[in-house]
Protein backbone atom coordinates (compact mmCIF):
# COMPACT_ATOMS: atom_id res chain seq x y z
CA MET A 1 0.00 0.00 0.00
CA LYS A 2 1.37 3.40 -1.00
CA ILE A 3 0.09 6.96 -0.44
CA ARG A 4 1.08 9.44 -3.11
CA GLU A 5 0.11 12.80 -4.57
CA TYR A 6 -2.75 12.95 -7.03
CA GLN A 7 -1.81 13.12 -10.71
CA PRO A 8 -4.15 14.32 -13.48
CA SER A 9 -4.09 10.78 -14.88
CA ASP A 10 -5.89 9.67 -11.67
CA LEU A 11 -8.98 11.76 -12.43
CA ALA A 12 -10.95 9.05 -14.24
CA ARG A 13 -10.46 6.61 -11.35
CA ILE A 14 -11.41 9.24 -8.75
CA GLU A 15 -14.55 10.08 -10.73
CA GLN A 16 -15.35 6.36 -10.89
CA LEU A 17 -14.90 6.01 -7.12
CA HIS A 18 -17.22 8.99 -6.62
CA ARG A 19 -19.89 7.56 -8.98
CA GLU A 20 -19.72 4.13 -7.38
CA SER A 21 -20.03 5.61 -3.88
CA GLY A 22 -23.70 6.35 -4.56
CA LEU A 23 -23.45 9.81 -3.00
CA ASP A 24 -25.81 12.34 -4.50
CA TYR A 25 -23.52 15.35 -4.79
CA VAL A 26 -21.34 16.60 -7.60
CA LEU A 27 -17.61 16.07 -7.15
CA PRO A 28 -16.04 19.55 -7.10
CA PRO A 29 -13.37 20.38 -9.68
CA MET A 30 -9.94 19.13 -8.66
CA ASP A 31 -8.47 22.64 -8.65
CA GLU A 32 -10.68 23.46 -5.62
CA PHE A 33 -8.68 21.04 -3.48
CA PHE A 34 -5.43 22.12 -1.85
CA SER A 35 -4.50 18.57 -0.91
CA LYS A 36 -5.10 15.52 -3.08
CA LYS A 37 -3.82 12.11 -2.02
CA VAL A 38 -4.46 8.67 -3.42
CA ILE A 39 -3.70 5.33 -1.90
CA GLU A 40 -2.91 2.43 -4.17
CA ASP A 41 -1.51 -1.06 -4.25
CA ASP A 42 -0.67 -3.46 -7.06
CA SER A 43 -4.31 -3.49 -8.17
CA GLY A 44 -4.53 0.30 -8.51
CA ILE A 45 -6.10 3.19 -6.64
CA GLY A 46 -8.48 2.09 -3.90
CA MET A 47 -9.12 5.42 -2.17
CA ALA A 48 -8.56 9.14 -2.46
CA ALA A 49 -8.60 11.92 0.14
CA LEU A 50 -9.33 15.43 -1.09
CA GLN A 51 -9.16 18.53 1.10
CA ARG A 52 -10.82 21.82 0.38
CA LEU A 53 -10.49 24.95 2.51
CA SER A 54 -13.59 25.80 4.50
CA SER A 55 -14.08 28.42 7.13
CA GLU A 56 -16.21 28.16 10.23
CA MET A 57 -18.03 31.45 10.71
CA TYR A 58 -18.86 32.78 14.16
CA LEU A 59 -21.15 35.76 14.64
CA LEU A 60 -21.30 37.59 17.94
CA CYS A 61 -24.06 40.14 18.18
CA ASP A 62 -25.67 42.46 20.71
CA HIS A 63 -29.33 41.66 20.05
CA SER A 64 -30.42 44.98 21.53
CA TRP A 65 -28.12 47.05 19.28
CA ARG A 66 -30.17 49.52 17.25
CA ASN A 67 -32.87 47.58 15.35
CA PRO A 68 -33.23 44.34 13.33
CA ALA A 69 -32.80 46.08 9.96
CA TRP A 70 -29.59 47.75 11.16
CA ARG A 71 -28.22 44.46 12.46
CA LEU A 72 -29.08 42.64 9.21
CA GLU A 73 -27.30 45.30 7.15
CA SER A 74 -24.31 45.01 9.50
CA ILE A 75 -24.24 41.25 8.93
CA ARG A 76 -24.36 41.83 5.16
CA GLN A 77 -21.36 44.14 5.37
CA LEU A 78 -19.44 41.77 7.64
CA GLN A 79 -20.19 38.89 5.28
CA ARG A 80 -18.91 40.90 2.32
CA ALA A 81 -15.68 41.83 4.13
CA CYS A 82 -15.12 38.29 5.40
CA SER A 83 -15.87 36.80 1.96
CA PHE A 84 -13.21 39.02 0.41
CA GLU A 85 -10.57 37.89 2.92
CA ALA A 86 -11.64 34.26 2.65
CA LYS A 87 -11.34 34.33 -1.13
CA LEU A 88 -7.81 35.74 -0.84
CA ALA A 89 -6.95 32.86 1.50
CA GLY A 90 -8.35 30.26 -0.92
CA VAL A 91 -11.38 29.37 1.19
CA GLN A 92 -14.16 27.71 -0.82
CA GLU A 93 -17.06 27.96 1.63
CA PHE A 94 -18.24 29.19 5.00
CA MET A 95 -19.92 26.97 7.56
CA SER A 96 -21.74 27.93 10.71
CA PHE A 97 -23.10 25.60 13.35
CA LEU A 98 -26.27 26.91 14.96
CA PRO A 99 -27.86 25.60 18.13
CA PRO A 100 -31.59 24.89 17.75
CA THR A 101 -32.59 27.99 19.74
CA VAL A 102 -30.66 30.27 17.40
CA GLU A 103 -31.52 28.39 14.22
CA LYS A 104 -35.24 28.88 14.72
CA LYS A 105 -34.82 32.66 14.63
CA PHE A 106 -31.76 33.06 12.43
CA SER A 107 -32.12 30.50 9.61
CA LYS A 108 -34.41 32.80 7.61
CA ARG A 109 -31.81 35.58 7.77
CA LEU A 110 -29.03 33.25 6.67
CA THR A 111 -31.13 32.10 3.72
CA GLU A 112 -31.71 35.75 2.75
CA LEU A 113 -27.93 36.24 2.85
CA GLY A 114 -27.34 33.35 0.43
CA TRP A 115 -26.58 30.57 2.88
CA SER A 116 -28.01 27.07 2.44
CA ALA A 117 -29.00 24.61 5.12
CA CYS A 118 -26.94 21.44 5.29
CA ARG A 119 -28.67 18.15 4.83
CA PRO A 120 -30.67 17.33 7.95
CA ASP A 121 -29.84 13.64 7.76
CA TRP A 122 -26.05 14.20 7.46
CA HIS A 123 -24.03 14.83 10.59
CA CYS A 124 -20.91 16.91 10.99
CA TYR A 125 -17.81 15.41 12.62
CA PHE A 126 -14.65 17.27 13.43
CA LYS A 127 -11.04 16.51 14.26
CA LYS A 128 -8.65 19.01 15.74
CA ILE A 129 -5.31 19.00 13.97
CA PHE A 130 -3.30 20.66 16.74
């Protein structure tokens, strides 16, 4: 078994692995991944690990500050500024984890700002690197 860097000639096999996985999402273009590893043996590539930069977004807000319209416009401006910096850093997407009490009130606002809800039947796992 050998782990090595992805090569463009591996694309067809990676696309095949994705198709055969039965997952119902489109495989992003390979240039969106900053790390691309394949693991192979004598029979060929059996797995691939692809990493894309994501950013976890935290929003801290004084809920009594001015009025709801003012706060929403402030969030829009913060999102614009953060999106610019994220793009410069190569980040592909933002994520935010909302507790149920916040989600009930805030999900409509996030949708208005262009955010999409994750799949309710998929669960997020995390691993700290450091």
